[in-house]
């Protein structure tokens, strides 16, 4: 079973957060696919997994990375 999730994070710091997160896109994921798109005032994160386990793992990783990036620009 394949699954996907899409998030849109609106922020005035979209460019800075995108730059920080884009570096993580180079990591090779075996059973999931991550797409990060910079929009005007927001970041769109799309995660696709080959199965529920890989989708959950990718979601946990990327939501944690986004949370940390938001905390860092708020300092």
C-alpha atoms as a PDB file:
ATOM      1  CA  UNK A   1       0.000   0.000   0.000  1.00  0.00           C
ATOM      2  CA  UNK A   2       1.413   3.379  -0.972  1.00  0.00           C
ATOM      3  CA  UNK A   3       0.704   6.518   1.018  1.00  0.00           C
ATOM      4  CA  UNK A   4       1.414  10.211   0.879  1.00  0.00           C
ATOM      5  CA  UNK A   5       1.132  13.370   2.937  1.00  0.00           C
ATOM      6  CA  UNK A   6       1.388  17.016   1.991  1.00  0.00           C
ATOM      7  CA  UNK A   7       2.006  19.975   4.300  1.00  0.00           C
ATOM      8  CA  UNK A   8       2.130  23.709   3.695  1.00  0.00           C
ATOM      9  CA  UNK A   9       4.032  25.777   6.264  1.00  0.00           C
ATOM     10  CA  UNK A  10       3.371  29.510   6.037  1.00  0.00           C
ATOM     11  CA  UNK A  11       6.123  31.725   7.395  1.00  0.00           C
ATOM     12  CA  UNK A  12       7.880  35.011   6.792  1.00  0.00           C
ATOM     13  CA  UNK A  13      11.168  33.043   6.931  1.00  0.00           C
ATOM     14  CA  UNK A  14      10.315  30.623   4.118  1.00  0.00           C
ATOM     15  CA  UNK A  15      13.548  31.236   2.206  1.00  0.00           C
ATOM     16  CA  UNK A  16      15.802  30.633   5.203  1.00  0.00           C
ATOM     17  CA  UNK A  17      13.940  27.512   6.292  1.00  0.00           C
ATOM     18  CA  UNK A  18      13.886  26.148   2.753  1.00  0.00           C
ATOM     19  CA  UNK A  19      17.663  26.661   2.448  1.00  0.00           C
ATOM     20  CA  UNK A  20      18.271  24.760   5.674  1.00  0.00           C
ATOM     21  CA  UNK A  21      15.955  21.869   4.789  1.00  0.00           C
ATOM     22  CA  UNK A  22      17.012  21.564   1.142  1.00  0.00           C
ATOM     23  CA  UNK A  23      20.373  20.180   2.268  1.00  0.00           C
ATOM     24  CA  UNK A  24      18.555  17.145   3.688  1.00  0.00           C
ATOM     25  CA  UNK A  25      17.015  16.278   0.306  1.00  0.00           C
ATOM     26  CA  UNK A  26      20.328  14.765  -0.814  1.00  0.00           C
ATOM     27  CA  UNK A  27      19.958  11.910   1.678  1.00  0.00           C
ATOM     28  CA  UNK A  28      18.952   8.758  -0.162  1.00  0.00           C
ATOM     29  CA  UNK A  29      15.702   7.341   1.126  1.00  0.00           C
ATOM     30  CA  UNK A  30      15.043   3.767   0.126  1.00  0.00           C
ATOM     31  CA  UNK A  31      11.292   3.439   0.402  1.00  0.00           C
ATOM     32  CA  UNK A  32      10.100   7.043   0.472  1.00  0.00           C
ATOM     33  CA  UNK A  33      10.257  10.154  -1.665  1.00  0.00           C
ATOM     34  CA  UNK A  34      10.369  13.727  -0.355  1.00  0.00           C
ATOM     35  CA  UNK A  35       9.701  16.875  -2.331  1.00  0.00           C
ATOM     36  CA  UNK A  36      10.235  20.367  -0.916  1.00  0.00           C
ATOM     37  CA  UNK A  37       8.955  23.417  -2.789  1.00  0.00           C
ATOM     38  CA  UNK A  38       9.534  27.056  -1.904  1.00  0.00           C
ATOM     39  CA  UNK A  39       6.485  29.241  -2.546  1.00  0.00           C
ATOM     40  CA  UNK A  40       5.834  32.896  -1.815  1.00  0.00           C
ATOM     41  CA  UNK A  41       5.675  33.028   1.976  1.00  0.00           C
ATOM     42  CA  UNK A  42       5.410  29.278   2.450  1.00  0.00           C
ATOM     43  CA  UNK A  43       7.077  25.922   2.043  1.00  0.00           C
ATOM     44  CA  UNK A  44       5.287  22.882   0.626  1.00  0.00           C
ATOM     45  CA  UNK A  45       6.472  19.479   1.834  1.00  0.00           C
ATOM     46  CA  UNK A  46       5.270  16.347   0.032  1.00  0.00           C
ATOM     47  CA  UNK A  47       6.181  12.907   1.343  1.00  0.00           C
ATOM     48  CA  UNK A  48       5.372   9.626  -0.385  1.00  0.00           C
ATOM     49  CA  UNK A  49       6.024   6.182   1.045  1.00  0.00           C
ATOM     50  CA  UNK A  50       5.948   2.704  -0.448  1.00  0.00           C
ATOM     51  CA  UNK A  51       4.175   1.434   2.673  1.00  0.00           C
ATOM     52  CA  UNK A  52       2.837   2.689   5.998  1.00  0.00           C
ATOM     53  CA  UNK A  53       6.105   2.019   7.842  1.00  0.00           C
ATOM     54  CA  UNK A  54       8.279   3.987   5.418  1.00  0.00           C
ATOM     55  CA  UNK A  55       5.751   6.833   5.268  1.00  0.00           C
ATOM     56  CA  UNK A  56       5.630   7.051   9.072  1.00  0.00           C
ATOM     57  CA  UNK A  57       9.427   7.052   9.335  1.00  0.00           C
ATOM     58  CA  UNK A  58       9.779   9.790   6.715  1.00  0.00           C
ATOM     59  CA  UNK A  59       7.043  11.852   8.364  1.00  0.00           C
ATOM     60  CA  UNK A  60       8.720  11.596  11.772  1.00  0.00           C
ATOM     61  CA  UNK A  61      12.052  12.661  10.325  1.00  0.00           C
ATOM     62  CA  UNK A  62      10.803  15.569   8.248  1.00  0.00           C
ATOM     63  CA  UNK A  63       8.357  16.966  10.792  1.00  0.00           C
ATOM     64  CA  UNK A  64      11.186  16.973  13.331  1.00  0.00           C
ATOM     65  CA  UNK A  65      13.501  18.754  10.855  1.00  0.00           C
ATOM     66  CA  UNK A  66      10.851  21.384  10.071  1.00  0.00           C
ATOM     67  CA  UNK A  67      10.202  21.962  13.774  1.00  0.00           C
ATOM     68  CA  UNK A  68      13.912  22.478  14.453  1.00  0.00           C
ATOM     69  CA  UNK A  69      14.262  24.852  11.480  1.00  0.00           C
ATOM     70  CA  UNK A  70      11.312  26.948  12.709  1.00  0.00           C
ATOM     71  CA  UNK A  71      12.801  27.071  16.208  1.00  0.00           C
ATOM     72  CA  UNK A  72      16.181  28.213  14.879  1.00  0.00           C
ATOM     73  CA  UNK A  73      14.799  31.140  12.876  1.00  0.00           C
ATOM     74  CA  UNK A  74      12.777  32.206  15.924  1.00  0.00           C
ATOM     75  CA  UNK A  75      15.855  32.710  18.117  1.00  0.00           C
END
